[in-house]
C-alpha atoms as a PDB file:
ATOM      1  CA  MET A   1     -73.801 -13.073 -74.737  1.00  0.00           C
ATOM      2  CA  PHE A   2     -75.102 -15.853 -72.485  1.00  0.00           C
ATOM      3  CA  SER A   3     -78.629 -17.227 -72.257  1.00  0.00           C
ATOM      4  CA  GLY A   4     -80.443 -20.553 -72.467  1.00  0.00           C
ATOM      5  CA  SER A   5     -79.009 -23.902 -71.372  1.00  0.00           C
ATOM      6  CA  ILE A   6     -75.267 -23.771 -70.704  1.00  0.00           C
ATOM      7  CA  PRO A   7     -73.742 -27.008 -69.371  1.00  0.00           C
ATOM      8  CA  ALA A   8     -71.034 -26.884 -66.740  1.00  0.00           C
ATOM      9  CA  LEU A   9     -69.026 -29.564 -68.510  1.00  0.00           C
ATOM     10  CA  VAL A  10     -67.581 -32.613 -66.794  1.00  0.00           C
ATOM     11  CA  THR A  11     -63.925 -33.376 -67.508  1.00  0.00           C
ATOM     12  CA  PRO A  12     -63.296 -36.928 -68.799  1.00  0.00           C
ATOM     13  CA  PHE A  13     -60.558 -38.795 -66.946  1.00  0.00           C
ATOM     14  CA  ALA A  14     -59.086 -42.223 -67.609  1.00  0.00           C
ATOM     15  CA  ALA A  15     -58.700 -44.776 -64.812  1.00  0.00           C
ATOM     16  CA  ASP A  16     -55.182 -43.463 -64.128  1.00  0.00           C
ATOM     17  CA  GLY A  17     -56.485 -39.899 -63.805  1.00  0.00           C
ATOM     18  CA  ALA A  18     -55.255 -38.664 -67.172  1.00  0.00           C
ATOM     19  CA  PHE A  19     -57.382 -36.160 -69.069  1.00  0.00           C
ATOM     20  CA  VAL A  20     -58.856 -37.745 -72.214  1.00  0.00           C
ATOM     21  CA  GLU A  21     -58.931 -35.128 -74.961  1.00  0.00           C
ATOM     22  CA  GLY A  22     -60.842 -37.191 -77.511  1.00  0.00           C
ATOM     23  CA  ALA A  23     -63.741 -37.868 -75.167  1.00  0.00           C
ATOM     24  CA  PHE A  24     -63.887 -34.188 -74.195  1.00  0.00           C
ATOM     25  CA  ARG A  25     -64.047 -33.153 -77.842  1.00  0.00           C
ATOM     26  CA  ASP A  26     -66.864 -35.659 -78.332  1.00  0.00           C
ATOM     27  CA  LEU A  27     -68.700 -34.167 -75.349  1.00  0.00           C
ATOM     28  CA  VAL A  28     -68.376 -30.627 -76.722  1.00  0.00           C
ATOM     29  CA  GLU A  29     -69.607 -31.740 -80.150  1.00  0.00           C
ATOM     30  CA  TRP A  30     -72.587 -33.603 -78.694  1.00  0.00           C
ATOM     31  CA  GLN A  31     -73.571 -30.672 -76.523  1.00  0.00           C
ATOM     32  CA  ILE A  32     -73.594 -28.266 -79.459  1.00  0.00           C
ATOM     33  CA  ALA A  33     -75.554 -30.715 -81.623  1.00  0.00           C
ATOM     34  CA  GLU A  34     -78.150 -31.090 -78.842  1.00  0.00           C
ATOM     35  CA  GLY A  35     -78.810 -27.369 -78.604  1.00  0.00           C
ATOM     36  CA  SER A  36     -76.670 -26.123 -75.713  1.00  0.00           C
ATOM     37  CA  ALA A  37     -76.309 -22.350 -76.011  1.00  0.00           C
ATOM     38  CA  GLY A  38     -72.850 -22.021 -74.472  1.00  0.00           C
ATOM     39  CA  LEU A  39     -70.243 -24.111 -72.665  1.00  0.00           C
ATOM     40  CA  VAL A  40     -68.504 -23.800 -69.303  1.00  0.00           C
ATOM     41  CA  PRO A  41     -65.262 -25.777 -69.118  1.00  0.00           C
ATOM     42  CA  VAL A  42     -63.227 -26.166 -65.912  1.00  0.00           C
ATOM     43  CA  GLY A  43     -65.915 -25.147 -63.464  1.00  0.00           C
ATOM     44  CA  THR A  44     -66.836 -26.961 -60.265  1.00  0.00           C
ATOM     45  CA  THR A  45     -68.476 -29.810 -62.189  1.00  0.00           C
ATOM     46  CA  GLY A  46     -65.337 -30.038 -64.327  1.00  0.00           C
ATOM     47  CA  GLU A  47     -63.258 -30.820 -61.205  1.00  0.00           C
ATOM     48  CA  ALA A  48     -61.168 -27.690 -61.779  1.00  0.00           C
ATOM     49  CA  ALA A  49     -59.796 -27.916 -58.250  1.00  0.00           C
ATOM     50  CA  THR A  50     -57.929 -31.097 -59.230  1.00  0.00           C
ATOM     51  CA  LEU A  51     -56.397 -29.729 -62.448  1.00  0.00           C
ATOM     52  CA  SER A  52     -52.923 -28.285 -62.733  1.00  0.00           C
ATOM     53  CA  TYR A  53     -52.534 -24.829 -64.277  1.00  0.00           C
ATOM     54  CA  ASP A  54     -51.417 -26.308 -67.593  1.00  0.00           C
ATOM     55  CA  GLU A  55     -54.239 -28.852 -67.641  1.00  0.00           C
ATOM     56  CA  HIS A  56     -56.813 -26.209 -66.754  1.00  0.00           C
ATOM     57  CA  PHE A  57     -56.078 -23.985 -69.711  1.00  0.00           C
ATOM     58  CA  ALA A  58     -55.448 -26.897 -72.067  1.00  0.00           C
ATOM     59  CA  VAL A  59     -59.061 -27.942 -71.390  1.00  0.00           C
ATOM     60  CA  VAL A  60     -60.250 -24.389 -72.153  1.00  0.00           C
ATOM     61  CA  ARG A  61     -58.203 -24.329 -75.364  1.00  0.00           C
ATOM     62  CA  ILE A  62     -59.572 -27.681 -76.529  1.00  0.00           C
ATOM     63  CA  CYS A  63     -63.137 -26.633 -75.721  1.00  0.00           C
ATOM     64  CA  ALA A  64     -62.788 -23.402 -77.679  1.00  0.00           C
ATOM     65  CA  ASP A  65     -61.064 -25.151 -80.561  1.00  0.00           C
ATOM     66  CA  GLN A  66     -63.773 -27.797 -80.868  1.00  0.00           C
ATOM     67  CA  ALA A  67     -66.609 -25.297 -80.530  1.00  0.00           C
ATOM     68  CA  ASN A  68     -64.947 -23.148 -83.201  1.00  0.00           C
ATOM     69  CA  GLY A  69     -67.124 -20.107 -82.532  1.00  0.00           C
ATOM     70  CA  ARG A  70     -70.472 -21.919 -82.730  1.00  0.00           C
ATOM     71  CA  VAL A  71     -71.311 -21.174 -79.088  1.00  0.00           C
ATOM     72  CA  PRO A  72     -69.602 -18.868 -76.565  1.00  0.00           C
ATOM     73  CA  ILE A  73     -67.108 -20.320 -74.083  1.00  0.00           C
ATOM     74  CA  LEU A  74     -67.272 -19.173 -70.462  1.00  0.00           C
ATOM     75  CA  ALA A  75     -64.120 -20.443 -68.790  1.00  0.00           C
ATOM     76  CA  GLY A  76     -63.672 -20.934 -65.075  1.00  0.00           C
ATOM     77  CA  ALA A  77     -60.859 -18.613 -63.998  1.00  0.00           C
ATOM     78  CA  GLY A  78     -61.350 -17.705 -60.336  1.00  0.00           C
ATOM     79  CA  SER A  79     -58.814 -17.791 -57.532  1.00  0.00           C
ATOM     80  CA  ASN A  80     -58.560 -16.736 -53.906  1.00  0.00           C
ATOM     81  CA  ASP A  81     -55.385 -14.840 -54.852  1.00  0.00           C
ATOM     82  CA  THR A  82     -56.173 -11.662 -56.801  1.00  0.00           C
ATOM     83  CA  ARG A  83     -52.905 -11.782 -58.716  1.00  0.00           C
ATOM     84  CA  VAL A  84     -53.558 -15.373 -59.780  1.00  0.00           C
ATOM     85  CA  ALA A  85     -57.129 -14.516 -60.800  1.00  0.00           C
ATOM     86  CA  ILE A  86     -55.812 -11.757 -63.073  1.00  0.00           C
ATOM     87  CA  ALA A  87     -53.276 -14.130 -64.616  1.00  0.00           C
ATOM     88  CA  ASN A  88     -56.020 -16.724 -65.096  1.00  0.00           C
ATOM     89  CA  VAL A  89     -58.182 -14.308 -67.090  1.00  0.00           C
ATOM     90  CA  HIS A  90     -55.292 -13.590 -69.418  1.00  0.00           C
ATOM     91  CA  ALA A  91     -54.645 -17.325 -69.807  1.00  0.00           C
ATOM     92  CA  ALA A  92     -58.335 -17.941 -70.528  1.00  0.00           C
ATOM     93  CA  LYS A  93     -58.233 -15.261 -73.230  1.00  0.00           C
ATOM     94  CA  ALA A  94     -55.129 -16.820 -74.780  1.00  0.00           C
ATOM     95  CA  ALA A  95     -56.864 -20.210 -74.741  1.00  0.00           C
ATOM     96  CA  GLY A  96     -59.803 -18.862 -76.760  1.00  0.00           C
ATOM     97  CA  ALA A  97     -62.470 -18.195 -74.119  1.00  0.00           C
ATOM     98  CA  ASP A  98     -65.110 -15.540 -74.781  1.00  0.00           C
ATOM     99  CA  ALA A  99     -65.579 -14.634 -71.097  1.00  0.00           C
ATOM    100  CA  ALA A 100     -64.356 -15.636 -67.662  1.00  0.00           C
ATOM    101  CA  LEU A 101     -66.405 -17.098 -64.809  1.00  0.00           C
ATOM    102  CA  MET A 102     -65.050 -15.748 -61.525  1.00  0.00           C
ATOM    103  CA  VAL A 103     -65.839 -16.741 -57.954  1.00  0.00           C
ATOM    104  CA  PRO A 104     -65.043 -14.299 -55.163  1.00  0.00           C
ATOM    105  CA  PRO A 105     -61.996 -15.260 -53.085  1.00  0.00           C
ATOM    106  CA  TYR A 106     -62.671 -18.514 -51.243  1.00  0.00           C
ATOM    107  CA  TYR A 107     -61.116 -19.664 -47.939  1.00  0.00           C
ATOM    108  CA  ASN A 108     -59.696 -16.181 -47.205  1.00  0.00           C
ATOM    109  CA  ARG A 109     -63.200 -14.933 -46.298  1.00  0.00           C
ATOM    110  CA  PRO A 110     -62.687 -11.274 -47.273  1.00  0.00           C
ATOM    111  CA  SER A 111     -65.080  -8.540 -46.227  1.00  0.00           C
ATOM    112  CA  GLN A 112     -67.503  -7.019 -48.736  1.00  0.00           C
ATOM    113  CA  GLU A 113     -64.912  -4.260 -49.214  1.00  0.00           C
ATOM    114  CA  GLY A 114     -62.283  -6.911 -49.918  1.00  0.00           C
ATOM    115  CA  ILE A 115     -64.574  -8.585 -52.469  1.00  0.00           C
ATOM    116  CA  PHE A 116     -65.075  -5.253 -54.220  1.00  0.00           C
ATOM    117  CA  ARG A 117     -61.357  -4.480 -54.264  1.00  0.00           C
ATOM    118  CA  HIS A 118     -60.618  -7.965 -55.647  1.00  0.00           C
ATOM    119  CA  PHE A 119     -62.938  -7.451 -58.607  1.00  0.00           C
ATOM    120  CA  GLU A 120     -61.825  -3.837 -59.013  1.00  0.00           C
ATOM    121  CA  ALA A 121     -58.255  -5.057 -59.511  1.00  0.00           C
ATOM    122  CA  ILE A 122     -59.414  -7.673 -62.013  1.00  0.00           C
ATOM    123  CA  ALA A 123     -61.478  -5.093 -63.923  1.00  0.00           C
ATOM    124  CA  ARG A 124     -58.449  -2.863 -64.412  1.00  0.00           C
ATOM    125  CA  GLU A 125     -56.472  -5.637 -66.127  1.00  0.00           C
ATOM    126  CA  THR A 126     -58.895  -8.154 -67.625  1.00  0.00           C
ATOM    127  CA  PRO A 127     -58.928  -8.680 -71.411  1.00  0.00           C
ATOM    128  CA  LEU A 128     -62.294 -10.475 -71.175  1.00  0.00           C
ATOM    129  CA  PRO A 129     -65.790  -9.730 -69.922  1.00  0.00           C
ATOM    130  CA  VAL A 130     -66.480 -11.419 -66.581  1.00  0.00           C
ATOM    131  CA  VAL A 131     -69.476 -13.326 -65.260  1.00  0.00           C
ATOM    132  CA  LEU A 132     -69.482 -13.316 -61.466  1.00  0.00           C
ATOM    133  CA  TYR A 133     -70.060 -16.699 -59.811  1.00  0.00           C
ATOM    134  CA  ASN A 134     -71.710 -16.417 -56.422  1.00  0.00           C
ATOM    135  CA  VAL A 135     -71.740 -19.800 -54.683  1.00  0.00           C
ATOM    136  CA  PRO A 136     -71.315 -19.211 -50.938  1.00  0.00           C
ATOM    137  CA  GLY A 137     -72.066 -22.864 -50.171  1.00  0.00           C
ATOM    138  CA  ARG A 138     -68.664 -23.689 -51.646  1.00  0.00           C
ATOM    139  CA  THR A 139     -66.637 -20.501 -51.237  1.00  0.00           C
ATOM    140  CA  VAL A 140     -67.923 -19.380 -47.805  1.00  0.00           C
ATOM    141  CA  THR A 141     -67.881 -15.922 -49.432  1.00  0.00           C
ATOM    142  CA  ASP A 142     -71.132 -14.238 -50.439  1.00  0.00           C
ATOM    143  CA  ILE A 143     -71.275 -11.317 -52.864  1.00  0.00           C
ATOM    144  CA  GLN A 144     -74.107  -9.384 -51.271  1.00  0.00           C
ATOM    145  CA  PRO A 145     -76.529  -7.650 -53.700  1.00  0.00           C
ATOM    146  CA  ALA A 146     -75.308  -4.185 -52.699  1.00  0.00           C
ATOM    147  CA  THR A 147     -71.707  -5.215 -53.347  1.00  0.00           C
ATOM    148  CA  MET A 148     -72.635  -6.763 -56.681  1.00  0.00           C
ATOM    149  CA  ALA A 149     -74.399  -3.557 -57.686  1.00  0.00           C
ATOM    150  CA  ARG A 150     -71.321  -1.571 -56.656  1.00  0.00           C
ATOM    151  CA  ILE A 151     -69.050  -3.807 -58.765  1.00  0.00           C
ATOM    152  CA  VAL A 152     -71.283  -3.707 -61.826  1.00  0.00           C
ATOM    153  CA  THR A 153     -72.009   0.012 -61.580  1.00  0.00           C
ATOM    154  CA  ALA A 154     -68.296   0.783 -61.386  1.00  0.00           C
ATOM    155  CA  PHE A 155     -67.390  -1.472 -64.328  1.00  0.00           C
ATOM    156  CA  PRO A 156     -70.535  -2.129 -66.399  1.00  0.00           C
ATOM    157  CA  ASP A 157     -68.641  -3.152 -69.534  1.00  0.00           C
ATOM    158  CA  ILE A 158     -66.578  -5.748 -67.655  1.00  0.00           C
ATOM    159  CA  PHE A 159     -68.986  -7.460 -65.289  1.00  0.00           C
ATOM    160  CA  ILE A 160     -71.751  -8.547 -67.632  1.00  0.00           C
ATOM    161  CA  GLY A 161     -73.611 -11.092 -65.528  1.00  0.00           C
ATOM    162  CA  VAL A 162     -73.781 -13.536 -62.651  1.00  0.00           C
ATOM    163  CA  LYS A 163     -74.126 -17.247 -62.144  1.00  0.00           C
ATOM    164  CA  ASP A 164     -76.214 -17.185 -58.982  1.00  0.00           C
ATOM    165  CA  ALA A 165     -76.001 -20.373 -56.937  1.00  0.00           C
ATOM    166  CA  THR A 166     -77.159 -18.848 -53.657  1.00  0.00           C
ATOM    167  CA  GLY A 167     -80.577 -20.508 -53.902  1.00  0.00           C
ATOM    168  CA  SER A 168     -82.193 -17.206 -52.902  1.00  0.00           C
ATOM    169  CA  LEU A 169     -84.705 -16.347 -55.605  1.00  0.00           C
ATOM    170  CA  GLY A 170     -85.342 -12.890 -54.195  1.00  0.00           C
ATOM    171  CA  ARG A 171     -81.820 -11.934 -55.192  1.00  0.00           C
ATOM    172  CA  VAL A 172     -82.754 -12.095 -58.864  1.00  0.00           C
ATOM    173  CA  THR A 173     -84.980  -9.072 -58.340  1.00  0.00           C
ATOM    174  CA  GLU A 174     -82.518  -7.315 -56.018  1.00  0.00           C
ATOM    175  CA  GLN A 175     -79.700  -7.803 -58.515  1.00  0.00           C
ATOM    176  CA  ARG A 176     -81.806  -6.663 -61.462  1.00  0.00           C
ATOM    177  CA  LEU A 177     -82.764  -3.492 -59.595  1.00  0.00           C
ATOM    178  CA  GLY A 178     -79.176  -2.870 -58.500  1.00  0.00           C
ATOM    179  CA  CYS A 179     -77.308  -3.911 -61.644  1.00  0.00           C
ATOM    180  CA  GLY A 180     -79.780  -2.916 -64.351  1.00  0.00           C
ATOM    181  CA  PRO A 181     -82.093  -4.779 -66.730  1.00  0.00           C
ATOM    182  CA  ASP A 182     -79.297  -5.734 -69.156  1.00  0.00           C
ATOM    183  CA  PHE A 183     -77.283  -7.543 -66.477  1.00  0.00           C
ATOM    184  CA  ILE A 184     -77.287 -11.263 -67.349  1.00  0.00           C
ATOM    185  CA  GLN A 185     -78.535 -13.531 -64.562  1.00  0.00           C
ATOM    186  CA  LEU A 186     -78.000 -17.276 -64.931  1.00  0.00           C
ATOM    187  CA  SER A 187     -79.254 -19.792 -62.408  1.00  0.00           C
ATOM    188  CA  GLY A 188     -76.573 -21.940 -60.827  1.00  0.00           C
ATOM    189  CA  ASN A 189     -79.179 -24.426 -59.604  1.00  0.00           C
ATOM    190  CA  ASP A 190     -81.117 -26.577 -62.067  1.00  0.00           C
ATOM    191  CA  GLU A 191     -83.997 -27.261 -59.710  1.00  0.00           C
ATOM    192  CA  THR A 192     -84.880 -23.558 -59.369  1.00  0.00           C
ATOM    193  CA  ALA A 193     -84.228 -22.572 -63.001  1.00  0.00           C
ATOM    194  CA  LEU A 194     -87.933 -22.187 -63.834  1.00  0.00           C
ATOM    195  CA  ALA A 195     -88.603 -19.840 -60.916  1.00  0.00           C
ATOM    196  CA  PHE A 196     -85.284 -18.078 -61.514  1.00  0.00           C
ATOM    197  CA  ASN A 197     -86.330 -17.246 -65.081  1.00  0.00           C
ATOM    198  CA  ALA A 198     -89.721 -16.053 -63.849  1.00  0.00           C
ATOM    199  CA  MET A 199     -87.925 -13.613 -61.542  1.00  0.00           C
ATOM    200  CA  GLY A 200     -85.857 -12.232 -64.424  1.00  0.00           C
ATOM    201  CA  GLY A 201     -83.164 -14.769 -65.260  1.00  0.00           C
ATOM    202  CA  THR A 202     -82.153 -15.647 -68.811  1.00  0.00           C
ATOM    203  CA  GLY A 203     -80.831 -19.181 -68.472  1.00  0.00           C
ATOM    204  CA  CYS A 204     -78.995 -21.753 -66.414  1.00  0.00           C
ATOM    205  CA  ILE A 205     -75.428 -22.973 -66.066  1.00  0.00           C
ATOM    206  CA  SER A 206     -76.505 -26.550 -65.698  1.00  0.00           C
ATOM    207  CA  VAL A 207     -75.197 -29.821 -64.294  1.00  0.00           C
ATOM    208  CA  THR A 208     -78.134 -31.819 -65.638  1.00  0.00           C
ATOM    209  CA  ALA A 209     -77.453 -30.582 -69.184  1.00  0.00           C
ATOM    210  CA  ASN A 210     -74.401 -32.852 -69.251  1.00  0.00           C
ATOM    211  CA  VAL A 211     -76.842 -35.756 -69.348  1.00  0.00           C
ATOM    212  CA  ALA A 212     -79.996 -34.264 -70.899  1.00  0.00           C
ATOM    213  CA  PRO A 213     -78.773 -31.433 -73.120  1.00  0.00           C
ATOM    214  CA  ARG A 214     -81.724 -31.516 -75.525  1.00  0.00           C
ATOM    215  CA  LEU A 215     -84.347 -31.508 -72.778  1.00  0.00           C
ATOM    216  CA  CYS A 216     -82.585 -28.676 -70.936  1.00  0.00           C
ATOM    217  CA  ALA A 217     -82.230 -26.669 -74.154  1.00  0.00           C
ATOM    218  CA  ASP A 218     -85.896 -27.250 -75.027  1.00  0.00           C
ATOM    219  CA  PHE A 219     -86.917 -26.152 -71.536  1.00  0.00           C
ATOM    220  CA  GLN A 220     -85.033 -22.870 -71.838  1.00  0.00           C
ATOM    221  CA  ALA A 221     -86.270 -22.317 -75.395  1.00  0.00           C
ATOM    222  CA  ALA A 222     -89.886 -22.864 -74.318  1.00  0.00           C
ATOM    223  CA  TRP A 223     -89.542 -20.291 -71.567  1.00  0.00           C
ATOM    224  CA  ALA A 224     -87.890 -17.765 -73.894  1.00  0.00           C
ATOM    225  CA  ALA A 225     -90.740 -18.252 -76.389  1.00  0.00           C
ATOM    226  CA  GLY A 226     -93.341 -17.591 -73.703  1.00  0.00           C
ATOM    227  CA  ASP A 227     -94.639 -21.172 -73.717  1.00  0.00           C
ATOM    228  CA  ILE A 228     -94.934 -21.436 -69.963  1.00  0.00           C
ATOM    229  CA  ALA A 229     -96.971 -24.643 -70.018  1.00  0.00           C
ATOM    230  CA  LYS A 230     -94.317 -26.470 -72.055  1.00  0.00           C
ATOM    231  CA  ALA A 231     -91.519 -25.064 -69.908  1.00  0.00           C
ATOM    232  CA  ARG A 232     -93.286 -26.224 -66.745  1.00  0.00           C
ATOM    233  CA  ALA A 233     -93.892 -29.689 -68.210  1.00  0.00           C
ATOM    234  CA  LEU A 234     -90.215 -30.058 -69.105  1.00  0.00           C
ATOM    235  CA  HIS A 235     -89.194 -28.742 -65.702  1.00  0.00           C
ATOM    236  CA  ASP A 236     -91.392 -31.357 -64.018  1.00  0.00           C
ATOM    237  CA  ARG A 237     -89.942 -34.091 -66.221  1.00  0.00           C
ATOM    238  CA  LEU A 238     -86.382 -33.046 -65.376  1.00  0.00           C
ATOM    239  CA  TYR A 239     -86.866 -32.159 -61.713  1.00  0.00           C
ATOM    240  CA  PRO A 240     -86.133 -35.632 -60.241  1.00  0.00           C
ATOM    241  CA  LEU A 241     -82.957 -35.747 -62.312  1.00  0.00           C
ATOM    242  CA  HIS A 242     -81.907 -32.319 -61.055  1.00  0.00           C
ATOM    243  CA  ILE A 243     -82.249 -33.609 -57.494  1.00  0.00           C
ATOM    244  CA  ALA A 244     -80.535 -36.930 -58.266  1.00  0.00           C
ATOM    245  CA  MET A 245     -77.436 -35.097 -59.536  1.00  0.00           C
ATOM    246  CA  PHE A 246     -76.716 -34.072 -55.942  1.00  0.00           C
ATOM    247  CA  THR A 247     -77.607 -37.218 -54.005  1.00  0.00           C
ATOM    248  CA  ASP A 248     -73.855 -37.683 -53.587  1.00  0.00           C
ATOM    249  CA  ALA A 249     -70.865 -35.369 -53.949  1.00  0.00           C
ATOM    250  CA  SER A 250     -70.872 -33.818 -57.406  1.00  0.00           C
ATOM    251  CA  PRO A 251     -69.756 -34.739 -60.034  1.00  0.00           C
ATOM    252  CA  GLY A 252     -70.045 -38.382 -58.971  1.00  0.00           C
ATOM    253  CA  PRO A 253     -73.741 -38.741 -59.876  1.00  0.00           C
ATOM    254  CA  VAL A 254     -73.528 -36.808 -63.136  1.00  0.00           C
ATOM    255  CA  LYS A 255     -70.555 -38.820 -64.350  1.00  0.00           C
ATOM    256  CA  TYR A 256     -72.421 -42.012 -63.483  1.00  0.00           C
ATOM    257  CA  ALA A 257     -75.479 -40.774 -65.390  1.00  0.00           C
ATOM    258  CA  LEU A 258     -73.438 -39.692 -68.404  1.00  0.00           C
ATOM    259  CA  GLY A 259     -71.798 -43.105 -68.451  1.00  0.00           C
ATOM    260  CA  LYS A 260     -75.235 -44.634 -68.956  1.00  0.00           C
ATOM    261  CA  ILE A 261     -75.884 -42.298 -71.901  1.00  0.00           C
ATOM    262  CA  LYS A 262     -72.408 -42.756 -73.371  1.00  0.00           C
ATOM    263  CA  PRO A 263     -71.183 -46.249 -72.423  1.00  0.00           C
ATOM    264  CA  GLY A 264     -67.443 -46.604 -72.598  1.00  0.00           C
ATOM    265  CA  TRP A 265     -66.630 -42.912 -72.137  1.00  0.00           C
ATOM    266  CA  PRO A 266     -63.748 -42.387 -69.652  1.00  0.00           C
ATOM    267  CA  LEU A 267     -65.656 -40.815 -66.783  1.00  0.00           C
ATOM    268  CA  HIS A 268     -63.514 -41.601 -63.772  1.00  0.00           C
ATOM    269  CA  LEU A 269     -63.001 -39.026 -61.034  1.00  0.00           C
ATOM    270  CA  ARG A 270     -59.883 -37.603 -59.433  1.00  0.00           C
ATOM    271  CA  LEU A 271     -59.476 -37.808 -55.691  1.00  0.00           C
ATOM    272  CA  PRO A 272     -60.756 -36.477 -53.400  1.00  0.00           C
ATOM    273  CA  MET A 273     -63.908 -36.896 -55.503  1.00  0.00           C
ATOM    274  CA  THR A 274     -65.250 -40.437 -55.609  1.00  0.00           C
ATOM    275  CA  GLU A 275     -67.830 -42.399 -57.584  1.00  0.00           C
ATOM    276  CA  ALA A 276     -71.484 -42.072 -56.663  1.00  0.00           C
ATOM    277  CA  GLY A 277     -72.619 -44.465 -53.956  1.00  0.00           C
ATOM    278  CA  GLU A 278     -75.235 -47.159 -54.348  1.00  0.00           C
ATOM    279  CA  ALA A 279     -78.159 -45.021 -53.150  1.00  0.00           C
ATOM    280  CA  ALA A 280     -77.184 -42.155 -55.460  1.00  0.00           C
ATOM    281  CA  ARG A 281     -76.859 -44.494 -58.430  1.00  0.00           C
ATOM    282  CA  ALA A 282     -80.312 -45.912 -57.720  1.00  0.00           C
ATOM    283  CA  ALA A 283     -81.786 -42.406 -57.547  1.00  0.00           C
ATOM    284  CA  VAL A 284     -80.135 -41.499 -60.863  1.00  0.00           C
ATOM    285  CA  ASP A 285     -81.483 -44.677 -62.488  1.00  0.00           C
ATOM    286  CA  VAL A 286     -85.045 -43.881 -61.427  1.00  0.00           C
ATOM    287  CA  ALA A 287     -84.783 -40.220 -62.453  1.00  0.00           C
ATOM    288  CA  MET A 288     -83.317 -41.046 -65.854  1.00  0.00           C
ATOM    289  CA  ALA A 289     -86.077 -43.517 -66.554  1.00  0.00           C
ATOM    290  CA  GLY A 290     -88.664 -40.948 -65.519  1.00  0.00           C
ATOM    291  CA  ALA A 291     -87.122 -38.392 -67.877  1.00  0.00           C
ATOM    292  CA  GLY A 292     -87.194 -40.888 -70.716  1.00  0.00           C
ATOM    293  CA  LEU A 293     -83.407 -41.122 -71.008  1.00  0.00           C
END
């Protein structure tokens, strides 16, 4: 269901913090036209933590409506409350999502048994397939490979893949061996996407693709076609931009960069997120020039 370049979409906000539907529809349309293979609304890059429940699923609904079945929609739906996570999956389904992206419970810091029981409860009630999202740098909760294998083995038709943002490339092999060769593995880090694919991944849920969707799509297509030299060349061209996207708290740098590509788009941030600082903006400028953007 999911492979290639899949942007973790930013959410356009006006200066007063209001969500701007027209700009978001334009972003979805541009991404599809540029070759993105799927879309992730209301993830970390989409500032989901600052959205109300109604806003969250309105964004999913608008994304699905604009995409109109041309690419699959993987909607952020996680929670640190199992009951809320279950409700979120149902809301994502009602909004038109094709699958749900689910972090393990954050802040609570459950044991590996607690992580398994959380996803077991979701599996028994979810109307959608689920892509696990392992990002311990943000959640302080790590789905260990053995636990992931246990989850997937117990519910293979529900848990179809993982967005792995651990930064540990060895896990791609561990997870393939534990979860099976058909288990979808998507890199959660742009800068390691080339190596991640070499280890057995099938794509990337990308921040950089917000700004360089065609280059990111071409990179993934080159790898899938076995053109390793082209994939490496595109990776090298994009690498400074991947790094620049995190020279300040995300999504500050990516919204700044997208504003240079799409002048006039409403790309303000909601507190506590703030605009990229001067050093980050300078790094983005240099990286965009180097990428030919």
